[in-house]
Amino acid sequence: MARSTFNRVAIKGIAGAVPQDKVNNLNDHTFCTEDERKNIIALTGVHEYRIAPADLCASDLCAAAATNLMEGLKVDTGSIDAVIFVSMTPDFMIPSTACVLQDRLGCTVSTIAYDINMGCSAYVVGLYNACALLQGGNLQRVLLLTGDTQTKLCHREDKNVVFLLADGGAATLLEKTDSDTDRITIELETDGSGYDKLFVPAGGFRTPSTASTREVKKQPDGGFRSEEHIYMDGMEIFKFSSSDVVKSTKSFMEHNHFSSEDFDYFIMHQANKFMTDKIARKLKFPKEKVPYSLQVYGNTGSASIPLTIAHNYREMIPEGRHRYLLSGFGIGLSWGTVDVVLNNIFCPSVIEC
């Protein structure tokens, strides 16, 4: 496993953005019965979520969040040393969307800019990269952008994903500091043997797009989709999350001599409420320490952890220093854990695009 502690680095601000258009899980999915819809809502905890129109991309959401963040912090984008964009839904096959965002946000040509293709664990992986650039690359400011428009990967009658997966974007500013008390510890793990438990089977270079891969049909699991829509083996993802992720997080806490009492908040990837409630119980976190955003935003993939912080921040005693345990897990299969103290960060209300 990759377990690293980054010294004299800190998060200065987090901002989120979501599309304006809402989907109501009880009223807007007419392809199944009302009882089925109620059962799914009870299981996932998602009552409504946001969906991006065809012309709105993850980069647009992240750019809006970044602008809101930088203006609120009164930080000139010319002072940004690196832009990292973490997403499963980039603007183009090539170039990296981060290059487009570097210019769009007004960063200088000396700015490092690159993409990372990652989903559910995106925020943890992104933080690792940002911290590594600050400490090892001798940079001063890194802008981490995480977002997805994953509803564009879903068929609208695939009951396995359409009640859950949603769109959103977030921006996080990290800086190098002079304080010995500023440190972020991150652990990352990967099990690629489970890559096919949550993936898009076709449309890439391994299995190119054809008329056959684009054909929508009823699948053995009861969902309607093509091979170019996202597939999720929900039971296998649940087993992985409630076993591997729990074991890893527990090991992380024990290694650093922490218990649930040492953390003010436990922020998880917003997979679904049944799953995350189970993880919290196994790790002995009380409900008041486990904020959610999935009830109104759904599972926003790369953006779910920062969006959850931004959505709840004003109710989470924002003044002063508070220790957070962050946990991202899913697609890859990949997962990771973060121990970070947020000290009076700037965190504006989530905006709509």
Protein backbone atom coordinates (compact mmCIF):
# COMPACT_ATOMS: atom_id res chain seq x y z
CA MET A 1 0.00 0.00 0.00
CA ALA A 2 1.00 3.63 -0.50
CA ARG A 3 0.88 5.33 2.89
CA SER A 4 2.42 8.80 3.02
CA THR A 5 2.46 11.77 5.35
CA PHE A 6 2.86 15.17 3.74
CA ASN A 7 4.17 17.89 6.03
CA ARG A 8 3.53 21.63 5.86
CA VAL A 9 0.68 21.31 3.38
CA ALA A 10 -2.92 22.37 4.02
CA ILE A 11 -6.32 22.69 2.41
CA LYS A 12 -7.31 26.36 2.23
CA GLY A 13 -10.73 26.09 0.65
CA ILE A 14 -13.33 23.79 -0.90
CA ALA A 15 -16.19 24.77 -3.22
CA GLY A 16 -18.83 22.77 -5.07
CA ALA A 17 -21.11 23.17 -8.08
CA VAL A 18 -24.05 21.11 -9.38
CA PRO A 19 -26.36 21.34 -12.41
CA GLN A 20 -29.67 23.16 -12.01
CA ASP A 21 -31.83 20.32 -13.31
CA LYS A 22 -33.18 17.94 -10.68
CA VAL A 23 -34.41 14.35 -10.94
CA ASN A 24 -36.91 13.18 -8.32
CA ASN A 25 -36.51 9.45 -7.74
CA LEU A 26 -40.09 8.98 -6.64
CA ASN A 27 -41.81 10.82 -9.47
CA ASP A 28 -39.49 10.91 -12.48
CA HIS A 29 -38.80 7.22 -13.19
CA THR A 30 -41.94 5.77 -14.70
CA PHE A 31 -40.39 2.57 -16.04
CA CYS A 32 -40.90 0.81 -12.68
CA THR A 33 -43.66 0.76 -10.08
CA GLU A 34 -44.09 3.24 -7.26
CA ASP A 35 -43.40 0.51 -4.70
CA GLU A 36 -40.13 -0.35 -6.46
CA ARG A 37 -39.15 3.31 -6.47
CA LYS A 38 -39.89 3.66 -2.77
CA ASN A 39 -37.82 0.56 -1.96
CA ILE A 40 -34.87 1.86 -3.98
CA ILE A 41 -35.04 5.26 -2.27
CA ALA A 42 -35.10 3.58 1.14
CA LEU A 43 -32.05 1.49 0.21
CA THR A 44 -29.93 4.18 -1.46
CA GLY A 45 -31.02 7.20 0.56
CA VAL A 46 -31.18 9.24 -2.67
CA HIS A 47 -34.40 11.24 -2.92
CA GLU A 48 -33.27 13.51 -5.72
CA TYR A 49 -30.14 14.31 -7.68
CA ARG A 50 -28.79 16.69 -10.32
CA ILE A 51 -28.41 15.88 -14.00
CA ALA A 52 -26.35 17.86 -16.51
CA PRO A 53 -27.82 18.85 -19.87
CA ALA A 54 -25.98 17.73 -23.00
CA ASP A 55 -23.90 20.90 -23.26
CA LEU A 56 -22.72 20.94 -19.62
CA CYS A 57 -19.53 19.01 -18.84
CA ALA A 58 -17.67 18.15 -15.66
CA SER A 59 -15.10 20.80 -16.54
CA ASP A 60 -17.84 23.47 -16.56
CA LEU A 61 -18.94 22.48 -13.06
CA CYS A 62 -15.36 22.42 -11.80
CA ALA A 63 -14.55 25.76 -13.43
CA ALA A 64 -17.58 27.37 -11.77
CA ALA A 65 -16.58 25.93 -8.40
CA ALA A 66 -12.98 27.06 -8.90
CA THR A 67 -14.01 30.62 -9.81
CA ASN A 68 -16.26 30.83 -6.76
CA LEU A 69 -13.47 29.50 -4.56
CA MET A 70 -10.69 31.71 -5.90
CA GLU A 71 -12.81 34.86 -5.77
CA GLY A 72 -13.86 34.09 -2.21
CA LEU A 73 -10.27 33.50 -1.13
CA LYS A 74 -9.08 36.52 -3.15
CA VAL A 75 -6.45 34.36 -4.80
CA ASP A 76 -5.14 35.30 -8.24
CA THR A 77 -5.27 32.31 -10.60
CA GLY A 78 -1.89 33.45 -11.88
CA SER A 79 -0.41 32.20 -8.60
CA ILE A 80 -1.57 28.61 -9.19
CA ASP A 81 1.37 26.29 -9.84
CA ALA A 82 -0.61 23.21 -10.85
CA VAL A 83 -4.12 22.24 -11.97
CA ILE A 84 -5.14 18.61 -11.49
CA PHE A 85 -8.44 17.46 -13.02
CA VAL A 86 -9.72 14.09 -11.77
CA SER A 87 -12.69 12.67 -13.64
CA MET A 88 -14.15 9.73 -15.58
CA THR A 89 -15.87 12.13 -17.97
CA PRO A 90 -13.32 14.44 -19.61
CA ASP A 91 -14.20 16.93 -22.34
CA PHE A 92 -12.17 15.16 -25.01
CA MET A 93 -10.30 11.95 -25.71
CA ILE A 94 -7.30 14.24 -26.10
CA PRO A 95 -6.00 16.66 -24.88
CA SER A 96 -6.17 16.54 -21.10
CA THR A 97 -9.09 18.63 -19.88
CA ALA A 98 -6.74 20.19 -17.30
CA CYS A 99 -4.92 21.92 -20.17
CA VAL A 100 -8.20 23.50 -21.29
CA LEU A 101 -8.99 24.52 -17.71
CA GLN A 102 -5.53 26.08 -17.24
CA ASP A 103 -6.31 28.56 -20.00
CA ARG A 104 -9.98 28.97 -19.10
CA LEU A 105 -9.20 29.87 -15.48
CA GLY A 106 -6.45 32.32 -16.43
CA CYS A 107 -3.50 30.39 -15.05
CA THR A 108 -0.03 31.14 -16.42
CA VAL A 109 1.75 29.04 -19.04
CA SER A 110 4.17 27.87 -16.35
CA THR A 111 1.31 26.00 -14.66
CA ILE A 112 1.48 22.20 -14.53
CA ALA A 113 -1.79 20.72 -15.80
CA TYR A 114 -2.82 17.10 -16.13
CA ASP A 115 -5.79 14.73 -15.85
CA ILE A 116 -6.27 11.62 -13.72
CA ASN A 117 -8.83 9.04 -14.83
CA MET A 118 -10.44 7.99 -11.55
CA GLY A 119 -13.95 7.77 -10.14
CA CYS A 120 -15.10 6.94 -6.64
CA SER A 121 -11.67 7.27 -4.99
CA ALA A 122 -10.84 10.34 -7.09
CA TYR A 123 -10.68 12.88 -4.29
CA VAL A 124 -8.27 10.81 -2.21
CA VAL A 125 -6.06 10.12 -5.24
CA GLY A 126 -6.23 13.78 -6.22
CA LEU A 127 -5.20 14.92 -2.75
CA TYR A 128 -2.25 12.51 -2.85
CA ASN A 129 -1.04 13.99 -6.14
CA ALA A 130 -1.57 17.58 -4.99
CA CYS A 131 0.30 17.00 -1.73
CA ALA A 132 3.15 15.25 -3.56
CA LEU A 133 3.55 18.23 -5.88
CA LEU A 134 3.57 20.67 -2.98
CA GLN A 135 6.07 18.76 -0.85
CA GLY A 136 8.22 16.98 -3.41
CA GLY A 137 7.83 19.35 -6.33
CA ASN A 138 8.49 22.51 -4.33
CA LEU A 139 5.27 24.16 -5.52
CA GLN A 140 3.24 26.67 -3.52
CA ARG A 141 -0.37 26.31 -4.70
CA VAL A 142 -2.24 23.45 -6.34
CA LEU A 143 -5.83 23.61 -7.57
CA LEU A 144 -7.51 20.21 -7.40
CA LEU A 145 -10.62 19.86 -9.57
CA THR A 146 -12.78 16.76 -9.20
CA GLY A 147 -16.02 16.18 -11.05
CA ASP A 148 -18.16 13.94 -13.20
CA THR A 149 -21.20 14.01 -15.45
CA GLN A 150 -21.70 10.30 -15.08
CA THR A 151 -25.43 10.39 -15.87
CA LYS A 152 -24.23 10.57 -19.49
CA LEU A 153 -22.84 7.06 -19.02
CA CYS A 154 -26.18 5.70 -17.72
CA HIS A 155 -29.13 4.41 -19.69
CA ARG A 156 -32.24 6.08 -18.31
CA GLU A 157 -33.98 2.73 -17.72
CA ASP A 158 -31.14 0.91 -16.00
CA LYS A 159 -32.53 0.54 -12.50
CA ASN A 160 -29.12 -0.59 -11.20
CA VAL A 161 -27.59 2.88 -11.59
CA VAL A 162 -30.15 5.47 -12.71
CA PHE A 163 -31.55 6.05 -9.20
CA LEU A 164 -28.08 6.70 -7.83
CA LEU A 165 -25.44 8.13 -10.17
CA ALA A 166 -25.44 11.91 -10.53
CA ASP A 167 -23.44 14.91 -11.73
CA GLY A 168 -21.36 17.43 -9.81
CA GLY A 169 -18.03 19.21 -9.58
CA ALA A 170 -15.72 20.60 -6.91
CA ALA A 171 -12.58 22.67 -6.47
CA THR A 172 -10.05 22.41 -3.64
CA LEU A 173 -7.11 24.75 -3.10
CA LEU A 174 -4.05 23.33 -1.34
CA GLU A 175 -1.02 25.35 -0.28
CA LYS A 176 2.41 24.85 1.19
CA THR A 177 2.66 26.36 4.68
CA ASP A 178 5.31 27.14 7.30
CA SER A 179 3.48 25.36 10.11
CA ASP A 180 4.74 22.05 11.48
CA THR A 181 1.17 21.26 12.57
CA ASP A 182 -0.09 21.22 8.97
CA ARG A 183 0.11 17.69 7.67
CA ILE A 184 -2.03 15.33 5.60
CA THR A 185 -1.67 11.55 5.80
CA ILE A 186 -3.01 9.48 2.90
CA GLU A 187 -3.16 5.77 2.16
CA LEU A 188 -4.05 4.33 -1.26
CA GLU A 189 -4.81 0.77 -2.33
CA THR A 190 -5.83 -0.95 -5.57
CA ASP A 191 -7.23 -4.33 -6.61
CA GLY A 192 -7.48 -4.35 -10.40
CA SER A 193 -8.78 -7.92 -10.43
CA GLY A 194 -12.19 -6.37 -9.77
CA TYR A 195 -12.05 -3.80 -12.57
CA ASP A 196 -15.08 -5.32 -14.31
CA LYS A 197 -17.39 -4.93 -11.31
CA LEU A 198 -17.97 -1.27 -12.15
CA PHE A 199 -17.01 -0.20 -15.68
CA VAL A 200 -18.08 0.69 -19.21
CA PRO A 201 -17.37 -2.51 -21.20
CA ALA A 202 -17.06 -1.02 -24.68
CA GLY A 203 -16.33 2.19 -26.56
CA GLY A 204 -12.62 2.39 -25.77
CA PHE A 205 -9.64 0.98 -27.62
CA ARG A 206 -9.87 -2.50 -26.06
CA THR A 207 -13.41 -2.96 -27.36
CA PRO A 208 -14.10 -0.27 -29.96
CA SER A 209 -17.54 1.17 -30.55
CA THR A 210 -19.71 -0.67 -33.08
CA ALA A 211 -23.40 -0.84 -33.89
CA SER A 212 -23.55 -3.95 -31.71
CA THR A 213 -21.91 -2.34 -28.65
CA ARG A 214 -24.29 0.62 -28.95
CA GLU A 215 -27.42 -1.55 -29.04
CA VAL A 216 -29.60 -1.12 -25.94
CA LYS A 217 -31.21 -4.31 -24.67
CA LYS A 218 -32.45 -5.89 -21.48
CA GLN A 219 -29.58 -7.43 -19.53
CA PRO A 220 -29.58 -10.57 -17.32
CA ASP A 221 -29.69 -8.37 -14.19
CA GLY A 222 -32.91 -6.74 -15.40
CA GLY A 223 -31.42 -3.40 -16.41
CA PHE A 224 -31.63 -1.84 -19.87
CA ARG A 225 -28.34 -0.65 -21.30
CA SER A 226 -25.78 -1.10 -24.06
CA GLU A 227 -22.16 -2.14 -23.69
CA GLU A 228 -21.26 1.53 -23.86
CA HIS A 229 -23.27 2.36 -20.73
CA ILE A 230 -21.89 1.95 -17.23
CA TYR A 231 -22.31 -1.47 -15.63
CA MET A 232 -22.29 -2.03 -11.88
CA ASP A 233 -22.30 -5.33 -10.02
CA GLY A 234 -23.93 -3.86 -6.93
CA MET A 235 -23.55 -6.94 -4.75
CA GLU A 236 -19.82 -7.27 -5.44
CA ILE A 237 -19.24 -3.56 -4.84
CA PHE A 238 -21.13 -3.82 -1.57
CA LYS A 239 -19.05 -6.83 -0.45
CA PHE A 240 -15.83 -5.04 -1.37
CA SER A 241 -16.82 -1.85 0.45
CA SER A 242 -18.05 -3.53 3.62
CA SER A 243 -14.96 -5.76 3.87
CA ASP A 244 -11.80 -4.44 2.18
CA VAL A 245 -12.58 -0.77 2.74
CA VAL A 246 -13.51 -1.34 6.39
CA LYS A 247 -10.37 -3.41 7.05
CA SER A 248 -8.15 -0.86 5.34
CA THR A 249 -9.67 2.11 7.17
CA LYS A 250 -9.44 0.33 10.50
CA SER A 251 -5.78 -0.52 9.81
CA PHE A 252 -5.10 3.10 8.87
CA MET A 253 -6.61 4.34 12.12
CA GLU A 254 -4.75 1.77 14.24
CA HIS A 255 -1.43 2.49 12.51
CA ASN A 256 -1.81 6.19 13.34
CA HIS A 257 -3.10 5.43 16.87
CA PHE A 258 -6.57 6.85 16.20
CA SER A 259 -10.06 5.77 17.17
CA SER A 260 -13.36 7.20 15.99
CA GLU A 261 -13.29 9.50 19.02
CA ASP A 262 -10.24 11.32 17.64
CA PHE A 263 -12.09 12.53 14.54
CA ASP A 264 -14.70 15.25 14.43
CA TYR A 265 -16.15 14.01 11.13
CA PHE A 266 -16.01 10.96 8.87
CA ILE A 267 -16.71 11.89 5.23
CA MET A 268 -17.21 8.97 2.85
CA HIS A 269 -17.70 8.70 -0.88
CA GLN A 270 -21.47 8.91 -1.26
CA ALA A 271 -21.96 5.41 -2.66
CA ASN A 272 -25.36 4.66 -1.15
CA LYS A 273 -26.67 5.12 2.36
CA PHE A 274 -27.17 1.45 3.21
CA MET A 275 -23.53 0.78 2.36
CA THR A 276 -22.03 3.83 4.04
CA ASP A 277 -24.14 3.41 7.18
CA LYS A 278 -22.78 -0.12 7.47
CA ILE A 279 -19.18 1.09 7.09
CA ALA A 280 -19.72 3.79 9.74
CA ARG A 281 -21.19 1.27 12.18
CA LYS A 282 -18.32 -1.17 11.68
CA LEU A 283 -15.83 1.63 12.36
CA LYS A 284 -17.87 2.81 15.40
CA PHE A 285 -18.63 6.30 14.13
CA PRO A 286 -21.82 7.80 15.58
CA LYS A 287 -24.36 9.26 13.15
CA GLU A 288 -23.65 12.84 14.19
CA LYS A 289 -20.08 12.48 12.89
CA VAL A 290 -21.10 11.16 9.46
CA PRO A 291 -22.58 13.92 7.24
CA TYR A 292 -24.31 13.10 3.95
CA SER A 293 -25.12 14.86 0.70
CA LEU A 294 -26.44 11.96 -1.38
CA GLN A 295 -30.03 12.58 -0.33
CA VAL A 296 -30.06 15.74 -2.48
CA TYR A 297 -27.11 15.27 -4.88
CA GLY A 298 -26.88 11.48 -5.30
CA ASN A 299 -23.60 9.69 -5.91
CA THR A 300 -21.55 12.37 -7.67
CA GLY A 301 -18.49 10.19 -8.28
CA SER A 302 -15.28 12.22 -8.20
CA ALA A 303 -16.98 15.16 -6.49
CA SER A 304 -18.84 13.34 -3.73
CA ILE A 305 -16.45 13.91 -0.80
CA PRO A 306 -15.80 17.66 -1.33
CA LEU A 307 -19.47 18.25 -2.20
CA THR A 308 -20.46 16.59 1.06
CA ILE A 309 -18.11 18.87 2.97
CA ALA A 310 -19.36 21.97 1.14
CA HIS A 311 -23.02 20.99 1.57
CA ASN A 312 -22.68 20.47 5.33
CA TYR A 313 -19.85 22.80 6.27
CA ARG A 314 -21.89 25.52 7.95
CA GLU A 315 -23.49 22.94 10.22
CA MET A 316 -20.22 21.18 11.05
CA ILE A 317 -18.76 23.77 13.44
CA PRO A 318 -16.53 25.38 10.80
CA GLU A 319 -14.62 27.66 13.19
CA GLY A 320 -11.32 26.36 14.49
CA ARG A 321 -9.33 23.22 13.77
CA HIS A 322 -11.22 19.97 13.22
CA ARG A 323 -9.92 16.55 12.24
CA TYR A 324 -11.54 14.77 9.31
CA LEU A 325 -11.28 11.16 8.18
CA LEU A 326 -11.99 10.87 4.46
CA SER A 327 -12.69 7.61 2.64
CA GLY A 328 -13.02 7.12 -1.12
CA PHE A 329 -13.73 3.71 -2.65
CA GLY A 330 -15.06 2.05 -5.79
CA ILE A 331 -14.13 1.98 -9.46
CA GLY A 332 -10.83 0.27 -10.16
CA LEU A 333 -11.24 -1.31 -7.73
CA SER A 334 -9.46 1.39 -5.79
CA TRP A 335 -9.77 2.91 -2.36
CA GLY A 336 -8.03 5.28 -0.01
CA THR A 337 -8.13 7.03 3.35
CA VAL A 338 -7.12 10.53 4.44
CA ASP A 339 -6.41 12.08 7.84
CA VAL A 340 -6.60 15.86 7.53
CA VAL A 341 -7.22 18.83 9.79
CA LEU A 342 -9.32 21.63 8.31
CA ASN A 343 -8.53 24.93 9.98
CA ASN A 344 -11.03 27.73 9.27
CA ILE A 345 -11.09 26.96 5.55
CA PHE A 346 -13.16 28.96 3.09
CA CYS A 347 -16.14 26.84 2.06
CA PRO A 348 -18.96 28.71 0.25
CA SER A 349 -22.42 27.28 -0.38
CA VAL A 350 -22.73 24.87 -3.30
CA ILE A 351 -23.69 26.79 -6.44
CA GLU A 352 -25.86 25.80 -9.42
CA CYS A 353 -24.77 25.94 -13.07
